[in-house]
């Protein structure tokens, strides 16, 4: 565990009852997604069960900060903050967590919309003291229609739920960051998101949620991290992310990110879900594709194989780079 991540977090006051104290953090970095951010904010404020507070964290974009402050400055339920850490999603999320006062902190992407019962559905699980976190289902909203070649097993590429995840409430290793929540006390105990991994602006990296969830489980062996498909959000997929080029690029960066997580958490935990995914989920995807060649099945088989190979290549390069840096004394 990185001690600097733990030392930098302190609680901002006593928790109120978990059933009524949800702090929601939405991070944003560009004015180009203003309409998306507005929709995300509306979806949180329109929850069937009112949230305790909404924290909109702006990641080093003065124009967006000024616009958001002007739009929401008079709304007592919304606080607009500037990222006080290094540029990137991890730093922005940490800024939100530090400012949060609810017993549970949830994270919603700035291009995602929460279902009306989202807050209610995730908070019910926190009645169990062993539940440290809850994540949910992320449905893609395609710009036109789903690309025929895109295997649903790889919907994680566009930040959405994918074939292979649990279909009912079940414990998981980690969540999809677009739709996740944790007890606020967790951060004071294990620290925040590590900016050694994670997305910066539009760079298609990831795995900061994975590394944090592994840290939680390492610290609290009895901790339960639950996936509940009833906790639903819809995630907008932009046109550029529907291309095969983006698919390959995202897979490659996922491999690099996994190499960093392996360095931080060890291969047993860092790759535990990936082993089952590559040995069970992907082979089934290949068989399914081969059985439906006239419906784009062969293209999806090709995408599965390409995604696997490119992700492994990124992982291999990431591991090599980390070893060289460690040998030179940089890590």
C-alpha atoms as a PDB file:
ATOM      1  CA  UNK A   1       0.000   0.000   0.000  1.00  0.00           C
ATOM      2  CA  UNK A   2       1.292   3.446  -0.909  1.00  0.00           C
ATOM      3  CA  UNK A   3       1.492   5.370   2.415  1.00  0.00           C
ATOM      4  CA  UNK A   4       1.351   8.767   0.714  1.00  0.00           C
ATOM      5  CA  UNK A   5      -2.094   7.928  -0.687  1.00  0.00           C
ATOM      6  CA  UNK A   6      -3.369   7.172   2.816  1.00  0.00           C
ATOM      7  CA  UNK A   7      -1.735  10.121   4.545  1.00  0.00           C
ATOM      8  CA  UNK A   8      -3.269  12.587   2.118  1.00  0.00           C
ATOM      9  CA  UNK A   9      -6.866  11.667   3.040  1.00  0.00           C
ATOM     10  CA  UNK A  10      -8.734  12.878   6.084  1.00  0.00           C
ATOM     11  CA  UNK A  11     -12.417  12.760   6.957  1.00  0.00           C
ATOM     12  CA  UNK A  12     -14.424  15.961   6.580  1.00  0.00           C
ATOM     13  CA  UNK A  13     -16.810  15.369   9.464  1.00  0.00           C
ATOM     14  CA  UNK A  14     -19.071  12.672  10.897  1.00  0.00           C
ATOM     15  CA  UNK A  15     -21.024  10.414   8.586  1.00  0.00           C
ATOM     16  CA  UNK A  16     -24.773  10.759   8.546  1.00  0.00           C
ATOM     17  CA  UNK A  17     -27.055   7.771   8.065  1.00  0.00           C
ATOM     18  CA  UNK A  18     -25.940   5.775   5.007  1.00  0.00           C
ATOM     19  CA  UNK A  19     -29.511   5.498   3.770  1.00  0.00           C
ATOM     20  CA  UNK A  20     -29.665   9.262   3.240  1.00  0.00           C
ATOM     21  CA  UNK A  21     -26.070  10.392   2.775  1.00  0.00           C
ATOM     22  CA  UNK A  22     -24.842   9.820  -0.762  1.00  0.00           C
ATOM     23  CA  UNK A  23     -22.230  12.174  -2.150  1.00  0.00           C
ATOM     24  CA  UNK A  24     -21.967  11.961  -5.940  1.00  0.00           C
ATOM     25  CA  UNK A  25     -18.763  12.979  -7.740  1.00  0.00           C
ATOM     26  CA  UNK A  26     -18.893  13.881 -11.433  1.00  0.00           C
ATOM     27  CA  UNK A  27     -15.561  14.802 -13.053  1.00  0.00           C
ATOM     28  CA  UNK A  28     -15.292  16.792 -16.289  1.00  0.00           C
ATOM     29  CA  UNK A  29     -12.408  18.176 -18.312  1.00  0.00           C
ATOM     30  CA  UNK A  30     -13.697  19.818 -21.517  1.00  0.00           C
ATOM     31  CA  UNK A  31     -16.401  22.260 -22.641  1.00  0.00           C
ATOM     32  CA  UNK A  32     -16.999  20.038 -25.677  1.00  0.00           C
ATOM     33  CA  UNK A  33     -19.036  17.734 -23.444  1.00  0.00           C
ATOM     34  CA  UNK A  34     -21.107  20.450 -21.797  1.00  0.00           C
ATOM     35  CA  UNK A  35     -24.447  19.008 -22.902  1.00  0.00           C
ATOM     36  CA  UNK A  36     -23.380  15.595 -21.585  1.00  0.00           C
ATOM     37  CA  UNK A  37     -22.301  17.092 -18.263  1.00  0.00           C
ATOM     38  CA  UNK A  38     -25.611  18.957 -17.969  1.00  0.00           C
ATOM     39  CA  UNK A  39     -27.525  15.717 -18.557  1.00  0.00           C
ATOM     40  CA  UNK A  40     -25.418  13.885 -15.956  1.00  0.00           C
ATOM     41  CA  UNK A  41     -26.067  16.595 -13.373  1.00  0.00           C
ATOM     42  CA  UNK A  42     -29.798  16.590 -14.100  1.00  0.00           C
ATOM     43  CA  UNK A  43     -29.979  12.831 -13.691  1.00  0.00           C
ATOM     44  CA  UNK A  44     -28.404  13.071 -10.229  1.00  0.00           C
ATOM     45  CA  UNK A  45     -30.583  15.958  -9.074  1.00  0.00           C
ATOM     46  CA  UNK A  46     -33.714  14.178 -10.331  1.00  0.00           C
ATOM     47  CA  UNK A  47     -33.108  11.006  -8.334  1.00  0.00           C
ATOM     48  CA  UNK A  48     -36.152   9.419  -6.742  1.00  0.00           C
ATOM     49  CA  UNK A  49     -34.221   9.380  -3.477  1.00  0.00           C
ATOM     50  CA  UNK A  50     -32.496  12.745  -3.096  1.00  0.00           C
ATOM     51  CA  UNK A  51     -28.704  12.655  -2.839  1.00  0.00           C
ATOM     52  CA  UNK A  52     -26.871  14.362   0.014  1.00  0.00           C
ATOM     53  CA  UNK A  53     -24.723  16.447  -2.361  1.00  0.00           C
ATOM     54  CA  UNK A  54     -23.360  16.583  -5.896  1.00  0.00           C
ATOM     55  CA  UNK A  55     -19.713  17.505  -6.426  1.00  0.00           C
ATOM     56  CA  UNK A  56     -18.756  18.563  -9.956  1.00  0.00           C
ATOM     57  CA  UNK A  57     -14.962  18.493 -10.233  1.00  0.00           C
ATOM     58  CA  UNK A  58     -13.375  20.339 -13.156  1.00  0.00           C
ATOM     59  CA  UNK A  59     -10.044  18.891 -14.275  1.00  0.00           C
ATOM     60  CA  UNK A  60      -7.777  21.855 -15.079  1.00  0.00           C
ATOM     61  CA  UNK A  61     -10.052  23.679 -17.535  1.00  0.00           C
ATOM     62  CA  UNK A  62     -10.661  27.304 -16.519  1.00  0.00           C
ATOM     63  CA  UNK A  63     -13.340  27.905 -19.136  1.00  0.00           C
ATOM     64  CA  UNK A  64     -15.362  24.887 -18.024  1.00  0.00           C
ATOM     65  CA  UNK A  65     -14.944  25.799 -14.353  1.00  0.00           C
ATOM     66  CA  UNK A  66     -16.291  29.300 -14.966  1.00  0.00           C
ATOM     67  CA  UNK A  67     -19.202  27.988 -17.004  1.00  0.00           C
ATOM     68  CA  UNK A  68     -20.133  25.331 -14.464  1.00  0.00           C
ATOM     69  CA  UNK A  69     -19.810  27.785 -11.569  1.00  0.00           C
ATOM     70  CA  UNK A  70     -22.132  30.235 -13.324  1.00  0.00           C
ATOM     71  CA  UNK A  71     -24.642  27.484 -14.115  1.00  0.00           C
ATOM     72  CA  UNK A  72     -24.753  25.780 -10.713  1.00  0.00           C
ATOM     73  CA  UNK A  73     -23.449  28.414  -8.295  1.00  0.00           C
ATOM     74  CA  UNK A  74     -26.938  29.154  -6.936  1.00  0.00           C
ATOM     75  CA  UNK A  75     -27.882  25.504  -6.495  1.00  0.00           C
ATOM     76  CA  UNK A  76     -27.344  24.498  -2.865  1.00  0.00           C
ATOM     77  CA  UNK A  77     -27.207  20.801  -3.848  1.00  0.00           C
ATOM     78  CA  UNK A  78     -24.238  21.284  -6.198  1.00  0.00           C
ATOM     79  CA  UNK A  79     -20.653  22.263  -5.477  1.00  0.00           C
ATOM     80  CA  UNK A  80     -18.295  23.027  -8.350  1.00  0.00           C
ATOM     81  CA  UNK A  81     -14.639  22.369  -7.526  1.00  0.00           C
ATOM     82  CA  UNK A  82     -11.318  22.592  -9.324  1.00  0.00           C
ATOM     83  CA  UNK A  83      -9.074  19.538  -9.378  1.00  0.00           C
ATOM     84  CA  UNK A  84      -6.461  20.231  -6.700  1.00  0.00           C
ATOM     85  CA  UNK A  85      -4.185  17.401  -7.824  1.00  0.00           C
ATOM     86  CA  UNK A  86      -2.336  16.481 -11.006  1.00  0.00           C
ATOM     87  CA  UNK A  87      -4.335  16.533 -14.227  1.00  0.00           C
ATOM     88  CA  UNK A  88      -6.324  13.367 -14.784  1.00  0.00           C
ATOM     89  CA  UNK A  89      -9.347  11.430 -13.634  1.00  0.00           C
ATOM     90  CA  UNK A  90      -7.654   9.988 -10.551  1.00  0.00           C
ATOM     91  CA  UNK A  91      -6.707  13.416  -9.207  1.00  0.00           C
ATOM     92  CA  UNK A  92     -10.140  14.843  -9.977  1.00  0.00           C
ATOM     93  CA  UNK A  93     -11.873  11.988  -8.185  1.00  0.00           C
ATOM     94  CA  UNK A  94      -9.593  12.386  -5.174  1.00  0.00           C
ATOM     95  CA  UNK A  95     -10.478  16.075  -5.020  1.00  0.00           C
ATOM     96  CA  UNK A  96     -14.153  15.132  -4.956  1.00  0.00           C
ATOM     97  CA  UNK A  97     -13.656  12.521  -2.239  1.00  0.00           C
ATOM     98  CA  UNK A  98     -11.813  14.976   0.003  1.00  0.00           C
ATOM     99  CA  UNK A  99     -14.675  17.456  -0.280  1.00  0.00           C
ATOM    100  CA  UNK A 100     -17.420  14.855   0.223  1.00  0.00           C
ATOM    101  CA  UNK A 101     -19.348  14.668   3.492  1.00  0.00           C
ATOM    102  CA  UNK A 102     -21.731  11.788   2.785  1.00  0.00           C
ATOM    103  CA  UNK A 103     -21.222   8.303   4.204  1.00  0.00           C
ATOM    104  CA  UNK A 104     -21.099   6.855   0.671  1.00  0.00           C
ATOM    105  CA  UNK A 105     -19.303   8.390  -2.314  1.00  0.00           C
ATOM    106  CA  UNK A 106     -20.523   7.467  -5.793  1.00  0.00           C
ATOM    107  CA  UNK A 107     -18.860   8.247  -9.108  1.00  0.00           C
ATOM    108  CA  UNK A 108     -20.678   9.000 -12.339  1.00  0.00           C
ATOM    109  CA  UNK A 109     -18.980   9.935 -15.619  1.00  0.00           C
ATOM    110  CA  UNK A 110     -19.733  13.307 -17.169  1.00  0.00           C
ATOM    111  CA  UNK A 111     -21.149  11.573 -20.257  1.00  0.00           C
ATOM    112  CA  UNK A 112     -23.360   9.164 -18.333  1.00  0.00           C
ATOM    113  CA  UNK A 113     -26.959   9.438 -17.129  1.00  0.00           C
ATOM    114  CA  UNK A 114     -28.181   7.705 -13.973  1.00  0.00           C
ATOM    115  CA  UNK A 115     -31.527   5.928 -13.889  1.00  0.00           C
ATOM    116  CA  UNK A 116     -34.110   7.602 -11.588  1.00  0.00           C
ATOM    117  CA  UNK A 117     -33.746   4.853  -8.954  1.00  0.00           C
ATOM    118  CA  UNK A 118     -29.922   4.689  -9.187  1.00  0.00           C
ATOM    119  CA  UNK A 119     -29.177   6.191  -5.754  1.00  0.00           C
ATOM    120  CA  UNK A 120     -31.922   4.192  -4.059  1.00  0.00           C
ATOM    121  CA  UNK A 121     -30.779   0.922  -5.646  1.00  0.00           C
ATOM    122  CA  UNK A 122     -27.146   1.233  -4.597  1.00  0.00           C
ATOM    123  CA  UNK A 123     -27.720   2.595  -1.095  1.00  0.00           C
ATOM    124  CA  UNK A 124     -29.882  -0.342  -0.011  1.00  0.00           C
ATOM    125  CA  UNK A 125     -26.799  -2.601  -0.045  1.00  0.00           C
ATOM    126  CA  UNK A 126     -24.977  -0.468   2.512  1.00  0.00           C
ATOM    127  CA  UNK A 127     -27.255  -1.719   5.273  1.00  0.00           C
ATOM    128  CA  UNK A 128     -24.775  -4.620   5.385  1.00  0.00           C
ATOM    129  CA  UNK A 129     -21.673  -3.371   7.281  1.00  0.00           C
ATOM    130  CA  UNK A 130     -19.420  -5.738   5.316  1.00  0.00           C
ATOM    131  CA  UNK A 131     -20.345  -4.069   2.021  1.00  0.00           C
ATOM    132  CA  UNK A 132     -17.608  -1.562   1.265  1.00  0.00           C
ATOM    133  CA  UNK A 133     -18.612  -0.766  -2.292  1.00  0.00           C
ATOM    134  CA  UNK A 134     -21.367  -1.175  -4.874  1.00  0.00           C
ATOM    135  CA  UNK A 135     -21.179  -0.941  -8.654  1.00  0.00           C
ATOM    136  CA  UNK A 136     -23.769  -1.455 -11.334  1.00  0.00           C
ATOM    137  CA  UNK A 137     -24.721  -1.934 -14.944  1.00  0.00           C
ATOM    138  CA  UNK A 138     -23.561   0.495 -17.633  1.00  0.00           C
ATOM    139  CA  UNK A 139     -25.617   0.439 -20.826  1.00  0.00           C
ATOM    140  CA  UNK A 140     -24.088   1.888 -24.002  1.00  0.00           C
ATOM    141  CA  UNK A 141     -25.928   4.593 -25.926  1.00  0.00           C
ATOM    142  CA  UNK A 142     -24.555   4.241 -29.441  1.00  0.00           C
ATOM    143  CA  UNK A 143     -24.488   7.270 -31.780  1.00  0.00           C
ATOM    144  CA  UNK A 144     -26.493   5.367 -34.409  1.00  0.00           C
ATOM    145  CA  UNK A 145     -26.458   1.636 -33.968  1.00  0.00           C
ATOM    146  CA  UNK A 146     -24.081  -0.878 -32.482  1.00  0.00           C
ATOM    147  CA  UNK A 147     -21.153  -1.656 -34.838  1.00  0.00           C
ATOM    148  CA  UNK A 148     -21.739  -5.108 -36.261  1.00  0.00           C
ATOM    149  CA  UNK A 149     -18.128  -6.130 -35.709  1.00  0.00           C
ATOM    150  CA  UNK A 150     -18.059  -5.083 -32.019  1.00  0.00           C
ATOM    151  CA  UNK A 151     -18.161  -8.121 -29.703  1.00  0.00           C
ATOM    152  CA  UNK A 152     -20.266  -7.468 -26.573  1.00  0.00           C
ATOM    153  CA  UNK A 153     -17.511  -9.154 -24.567  1.00  0.00           C
ATOM    154  CA  UNK A 154     -15.412  -6.040 -25.305  1.00  0.00           C
ATOM    155  CA  UNK A 155     -17.921  -3.350 -24.354  1.00  0.00           C
ATOM    156  CA  UNK A 156     -15.479  -2.405 -21.586  1.00  0.00           C
ATOM    157  CA  UNK A 157     -13.553  -0.709 -24.401  1.00  0.00           C
ATOM    158  CA  UNK A 158     -16.261   1.988 -24.466  1.00  0.00           C
ATOM    159  CA  UNK A 159     -16.663   2.060 -20.690  1.00  0.00           C
ATOM    160  CA  UNK A 160     -19.760  -0.137 -20.534  1.00  0.00           C
ATOM    161  CA  UNK A 161     -20.841  -3.448 -19.058  1.00  0.00           C
ATOM    162  CA  UNK A 162     -19.804  -6.496 -21.047  1.00  0.00           C
ATOM    163  CA  UNK A 163     -20.651 -10.154 -21.482  1.00  0.00           C
ATOM    164  CA  UNK A 164     -18.937 -12.020 -18.683  1.00  0.00           C
ATOM    165  CA  UNK A 165     -20.065  -9.798 -15.830  1.00  0.00           C
ATOM    166  CA  UNK A 166     -22.569 -11.170 -13.284  1.00  0.00           C
ATOM    167  CA  UNK A 167     -26.231 -11.091 -14.304  1.00  0.00           C
ATOM    168  CA  UNK A 168     -27.424 -10.893 -10.676  1.00  0.00           C
ATOM    169  CA  UNK A 169     -26.134  -9.365  -7.449  1.00  0.00           C
ATOM    170  CA  UNK A 170     -22.693 -10.862  -6.864  1.00  0.00           C
ATOM    171  CA  UNK A 171     -19.286 -10.005  -5.387  1.00  0.00           C
ATOM    172  CA  UNK A 172     -16.691  -8.750  -7.884  1.00  0.00           C
ATOM    173  CA  UNK A 173     -13.044  -7.776  -7.814  1.00  0.00           C
ATOM    174  CA  UNK A 174     -13.615  -4.278  -9.178  1.00  0.00           C
ATOM    175  CA  UNK A 175     -16.206  -1.965 -10.699  1.00  0.00           C
ATOM    176  CA  UNK A 176     -16.615  -0.024 -13.918  1.00  0.00           C
ATOM    177  CA  UNK A 177     -15.644   3.511 -12.935  1.00  0.00           C
ATOM    178  CA  UNK A 178     -18.576   5.082 -14.739  1.00  0.00           C
ATOM    179  CA  UNK A 179     -20.930   3.600 -12.142  1.00  0.00           C
ATOM    180  CA  UNK A 180     -19.358   2.795  -8.793  1.00  0.00           C
ATOM    181  CA  UNK A 181     -19.564   3.742  -5.128  1.00  0.00           C
ATOM    182  CA  UNK A 182     -17.579   3.184  -1.934  1.00  0.00           C
ATOM    183  CA  UNK A 183     -17.954   4.005   1.734  1.00  0.00           C
ATOM    184  CA  UNK A 184     -16.169   7.285   2.431  1.00  0.00           C
ATOM    185  CA  UNK A 185     -14.304   5.712   5.350  1.00  0.00           C
ATOM    186  CA  UNK A 186     -12.574   3.430   2.841  1.00  0.00           C
ATOM    187  CA  UNK A 187     -10.581   6.330   1.437  1.00  0.00           C
ATOM    188  CA  UNK A 188      -9.339   7.465   4.844  1.00  0.00           C
ATOM    189  CA  UNK A 189      -8.243   3.886   5.449  1.00  0.00           C
ATOM    190  CA  UNK A 190      -6.623   2.836   2.164  1.00  0.00           C
ATOM    191  CA  UNK A 191      -6.104   6.149   0.351  1.00  0.00           C
ATOM    192  CA  UNK A 192      -7.447   7.468  -2.916  1.00  0.00           C
ATOM    193  CA  UNK A 193      -7.066   6.731  -6.605  1.00  0.00           C
ATOM    194  CA  UNK A 194      -3.442   6.325  -7.672  1.00  0.00           C
ATOM    195  CA  UNK A 195      -2.540   8.708 -10.517  1.00  0.00           C
ATOM    196  CA  UNK A 196       0.088   6.218 -11.703  1.00  0.00           C
ATOM    197  CA  UNK A 197      -2.846   4.622 -13.524  1.00  0.00           C
ATOM    198  CA  UNK A 198      -5.966   6.040 -15.083  1.00  0.00           C
ATOM    199  CA  UNK A 199      -7.232   8.347 -17.791  1.00  0.00           C
ATOM    200  CA  UNK A 200      -5.830  11.793 -18.502  1.00  0.00           C
ATOM    201  CA  UNK A 201      -8.138  13.843 -20.776  1.00  0.00           C
ATOM    202  CA  UNK A 202      -8.910  11.656 -23.806  1.00  0.00           C
ATOM    203  CA  UNK A 203      -5.954   9.264 -23.417  1.00  0.00           C
ATOM    204  CA  UNK A 204      -7.596   5.803 -23.371  1.00  0.00           C
ATOM    205  CA  UNK A 205      -5.949   4.460 -20.232  1.00  0.00           C
ATOM    206  CA  UNK A 206      -7.738   2.963 -17.256  1.00  0.00           C
ATOM    207  CA  UNK A 207      -7.586   0.528 -14.328  1.00  0.00           C
ATOM    208  CA  UNK A 208      -7.483   3.105 -11.525  1.00  0.00           C
ATOM    209  CA  UNK A 209     -10.704   1.576 -10.177  1.00  0.00           C
ATOM    210  CA  UNK A 210      -9.204  -1.909 -10.333  1.00  0.00           C
ATOM    211  CA  UNK A 211      -6.121  -0.917  -8.362  1.00  0.00           C
ATOM    212  CA  UNK A 212      -8.179   0.861  -5.699  1.00  0.00           C
ATOM    213  CA  UNK A 213     -10.607  -2.051  -5.287  1.00  0.00           C
ATOM    214  CA  UNK A 214      -7.697  -4.482  -4.917  1.00  0.00           C
ATOM    215  CA  UNK A 215      -6.296  -2.240  -2.187  1.00  0.00           C
ATOM    216  CA  UNK A 216      -9.653  -2.279  -0.394  1.00  0.00           C
ATOM    217  CA  UNK A 217      -9.829  -6.081  -0.467  1.00  0.00           C
ATOM    218  CA  UNK A 218      -6.201  -6.361   0.622  1.00  0.00           C
ATOM    219  CA  UNK A 219      -6.869  -4.161   3.649  1.00  0.00           C
ATOM    220  CA  UNK A 220     -10.273  -5.651   4.521  1.00  0.00           C
ATOM    221  CA  UNK A 221     -10.384  -9.364   3.659  1.00  0.00           C
ATOM    222  CA  UNK A 222     -14.023  -9.589   4.748  1.00  0.00           C
ATOM    223  CA  UNK A 223     -15.014  -6.603   2.604  1.00  0.00           C
ATOM    224  CA  UNK A 224     -17.727  -7.202   0.017  1.00  0.00           C
ATOM    225  CA  UNK A 225     -17.658  -5.313  -3.273  1.00  0.00           C
ATOM    226  CA  UNK A 226     -21.007  -5.961  -4.935  1.00  0.00           C
ATOM    227  CA  UNK A 227     -22.120  -5.700  -8.534  1.00  0.00           C
ATOM    228  CA  UNK A 228     -25.857  -5.105  -8.854  1.00  0.00           C
ATOM    229  CA  UNK A 229     -27.266  -4.947 -12.407  1.00  0.00           C
ATOM    230  CA  UNK A 230     -30.267  -3.019 -11.052  1.00  0.00           C
ATOM    231  CA  UNK A 231     -27.975  -0.056 -10.314  1.00  0.00           C
ATOM    232  CA  UNK A 232     -28.122   1.318 -13.844  1.00  0.00           C
ATOM    233  CA  UNK A 233     -26.636   4.169 -15.827  1.00  0.00           C
ATOM    234  CA  UNK A 234     -26.495   4.874 -19.557  1.00  0.00           C
ATOM    235  CA  UNK A 235     -23.118   5.848 -21.035  1.00  0.00           C
ATOM    236  CA  UNK A 236     -22.915   7.819 -24.288  1.00  0.00           C
ATOM    237  CA  UNK A 237     -20.545   6.340 -26.863  1.00  0.00           C
ATOM    238  CA  UNK A 238     -19.167   8.938 -29.248  1.00  0.00           C
ATOM    239  CA  UNK A 239     -18.670   8.274 -32.958  1.00  0.00           C
ATOM    240  CA  UNK A 240     -14.834   8.111 -32.759  1.00  0.00           C
ATOM    241  CA  UNK A 241     -15.098   5.343 -30.174  1.00  0.00           C
ATOM    242  CA  UNK A 242     -17.053   3.125 -32.551  1.00  0.00           C
ATOM    243  CA  UNK A 243     -14.069   2.720 -34.899  1.00  0.00           C
ATOM    244  CA  UNK A 244     -11.794  -0.299 -35.029  1.00  0.00           C
ATOM    245  CA  UNK A 245      -8.831   2.037 -34.673  1.00  0.00           C
ATOM    246  CA  UNK A 246     -10.066   3.242 -31.295  1.00  0.00           C
ATOM    247  CA  UNK A 247     -10.834  -0.358 -30.292  1.00  0.00           C
ATOM    248  CA  UNK A 248      -7.221  -1.380 -30.919  1.00  0.00           C
ATOM    249  CA  UNK A 249      -5.811   1.720 -29.224  1.00  0.00           C
ATOM    250  CA  UNK A 250      -7.966   1.239 -26.139  1.00  0.00           C
ATOM    251  CA  UNK A 251      -7.035  -2.441 -25.843  1.00  0.00           C
ATOM    252  CA  UNK A 252      -3.355  -1.576 -26.106  1.00  0.00           C
ATOM    253  CA  UNK A 253      -3.573   1.044 -23.359  1.00  0.00           C
ATOM    254  CA  UNK A 254      -5.593  -1.352 -21.210  1.00  0.00           C
ATOM    255  CA  UNK A 255      -2.682  -3.779 -21.405  1.00  0.00           C
ATOM    256  CA  UNK A 256      -0.232  -1.059 -20.379  1.00  0.00           C
ATOM    257  CA  UNK A 257      -2.489  -0.058 -17.475  1.00  0.00           C
ATOM    258  CA  UNK A 258      -2.765  -3.684 -16.345  1.00  0.00           C
ATOM    259  CA  UNK A 259       1.038  -3.853 -16.266  1.00  0.00           C
ATOM    260  CA  UNK A 260       1.114  -0.890 -13.887  1.00  0.00           C
ATOM    261  CA  UNK A 261      -1.553  -2.465 -11.660  1.00  0.00           C
ATOM    262  CA  UNK A 262       0.424  -5.712 -11.625  1.00  0.00           C
ATOM    263  CA  UNK A 263       3.455  -3.757 -10.451  1.00  0.00           C
ATOM    264  CA  UNK A 264       1.446  -2.085  -7.693  1.00  0.00           C
ATOM    265  CA  UNK A 265      -0.750  -4.972  -6.548  1.00  0.00           C
ATOM    266  CA  UNK A 266       0.927  -8.179  -7.724  1.00  0.00           C
ATOM    267  CA  UNK A 267      -0.153 -10.454 -10.564  1.00  0.00           C
ATOM    268  CA  UNK A 268      -2.395 -12.725  -8.462  1.00  0.00           C
ATOM    269  CA  UNK A 269      -4.914  -9.975  -7.688  1.00  0.00           C
ATOM    270  CA  UNK A 270      -4.248  -7.774 -10.711  1.00  0.00           C
ATOM    271  CA  UNK A 271      -4.999 -10.546 -13.202  1.00  0.00           C
ATOM    272  CA  UNK A 272      -7.458 -12.760 -11.308  1.00  0.00           C
ATOM    273  CA  UNK A 273     -10.542 -11.660 -13.292  1.00  0.00           C
ATOM    274  CA  UNK A 274      -8.612 -11.512 -16.559  1.00  0.00           C
ATOM    275  CA  UNK A 275      -7.640 -15.189 -16.313  1.00  0.00           C
ATOM    276  CA  UNK A 276     -11.273 -16.289 -16.242  1.00  0.00           C
ATOM    277  CA  UNK A 277     -12.171 -13.754 -18.917  1.00  0.00           C
ATOM    278  CA  UNK A 278      -9.525 -15.027 -21.357  1.00  0.00           C
ATOM    279  CA  UNK A 279     -10.038 -18.733 -20.650  1.00  0.00           C
ATOM    280  CA  UNK A 280     -13.848 -18.838 -20.481  1.00  0.00           C
ATOM    281  CA  UNK A 281     -15.555 -15.712 -21.777  1.00  0.00           C
ATOM    282  CA  UNK A 282     -13.502 -15.099 -24.918  1.00  0.00           C
ATOM    283  CA  UNK A 283     -13.526 -18.730 -26.129  1.00  0.00           C
ATOM    284  CA  UNK A 284     -17.325 -18.705 -25.874  1.00  0.00           C
ATOM    285  CA  UNK A 285     -17.363 -15.476 -27.881  1.00  0.00           C
ATOM    286  CA  UNK A 286     -15.321 -17.110 -30.641  1.00  0.00           C
ATOM    287  CA  UNK A 287     -17.644 -20.125 -30.775  1.00  0.00           C
ATOM    288  CA  UNK A 288     -20.723 -17.867 -30.851  1.00  0.00           C
ATOM    289  CA  UNK A 289     -19.244 -15.821 -33.685  1.00  0.00           C
ATOM    290  CA  UNK A 290     -18.354 -18.854 -35.748  1.00  0.00           C
ATOM    291  CA  UNK A 291     -21.936 -20.102 -35.459  1.00  0.00           C
ATOM    292  CA  UNK A 292     -23.359 -16.900 -36.960  1.00  0.00           C
ATOM    293  CA  UNK A 293     -21.050 -15.982 -39.891  1.00  0.00           C
ATOM    294  CA  UNK A 294     -23.815 -14.293 -41.883  1.00  0.00           C
ATOM    295  CA  UNK A 295     -24.593 -11.909 -39.037  1.00  0.00           C
ATOM    296  CA  UNK A 296     -21.119 -10.391 -38.670  1.00  0.00           C
ATOM    297  CA  UNK A 297     -19.965 -13.284 -36.519  1.00  0.00           C
ATOM    298  CA  UNK A 298     -16.642 -13.713 -38.312  1.00  0.00           C
ATOM    299  CA  UNK A 299     -15.883 -10.003 -37.928  1.00  0.00           C
ATOM    300  CA  UNK A 300     -16.573 -10.256 -34.207  1.00  0.00           C
ATOM    301  CA  UNK A 301     -14.297 -13.295 -33.949  1.00  0.00           C
ATOM    302  CA  UNK A 302     -11.571 -11.273 -35.636  1.00  0.00           C
ATOM    303  CA  UNK A 303     -12.138  -8.412 -33.203  1.00  0.00           C
ATOM    304  CA  UNK A 304     -11.954 -10.778 -30.221  1.00  0.00           C
ATOM    305  CA  UNK A 305      -8.640 -12.192 -31.385  1.00  0.00           C
ATOM    306  CA  UNK A 306      -7.242  -8.777 -32.292  1.00  0.00           C
ATOM    307  CA  UNK A 307      -8.329  -7.301 -28.963  1.00  0.00           C
ATOM    308  CA  UNK A 308      -6.710 -10.132 -27.025  1.00  0.00           C
ATOM    309  CA  UNK A 309      -3.427  -9.970 -28.947  1.00  0.00           C
ATOM    310  CA  UNK A 310      -3.158  -6.188 -28.738  1.00  0.00           C
ATOM    311  CA  UNK A 311      -3.973  -6.138 -25.017  1.00  0.00           C
ATOM    312  CA  UNK A 312      -1.272  -8.747 -24.375  1.00  0.00           C
ATOM    313  CA  UNK A 313       1.164  -6.698 -26.460  1.00  0.00           C
ATOM    314  CA  UNK A 314       0.400  -3.598 -24.394  1.00  0.00           C
ATOM    315  CA  UNK A 315       0.796  -5.561 -21.185  1.00  0.00           C
ATOM    316  CA  UNK A 316       4.137  -6.962 -22.336  1.00  0.00           C
ATOM    317  CA  UNK A 317       5.425  -3.555 -23.286  1.00  0.00           C
ATOM    318  CA  UNK A 318       4.215  -2.086 -20.018  1.00  0.00           C
ATOM    319  CA  UNK A 319       5.920  -4.794 -17.997  1.00  0.00           C
ATOM    320  CA  UNK A 320       9.168  -4.317 -19.911  1.00  0.00           C
ATOM    321  CA  UNK A 321       9.045  -0.559 -19.431  1.00  0.00           C
ATOM    322  CA  UNK A 322       8.406  -0.935 -15.709  1.00  0.00           C
ATOM    323  CA  UNK A 323      11.335  -3.337 -15.345  1.00  0.00           C
ATOM    324  CA  UNK A 324      13.658  -0.942 -17.185  1.00  0.00           C
ATOM    325  CA  UNK A 325      12.519   1.980 -15.041  1.00  0.00           C
ATOM    326  CA  UNK A 326      12.960  -0.051 -11.890  1.00  0.00           C
ATOM    327  CA  UNK A 327      16.433  -1.088 -12.993  1.00  0.00           C
ATOM    328  CA  UNK A 328      17.313   2.555 -13.591  1.00  0.00           C
ATOM    329  CA  UNK A 329      15.966   3.496 -10.175  1.00  0.00           C
ATOM    330  CA  UNK A 330      12.935   5.494 -11.412  1.00  0.00           C
ATOM    331  CA  UNK A 331      10.302   3.335  -9.692  1.00  0.00           C
END
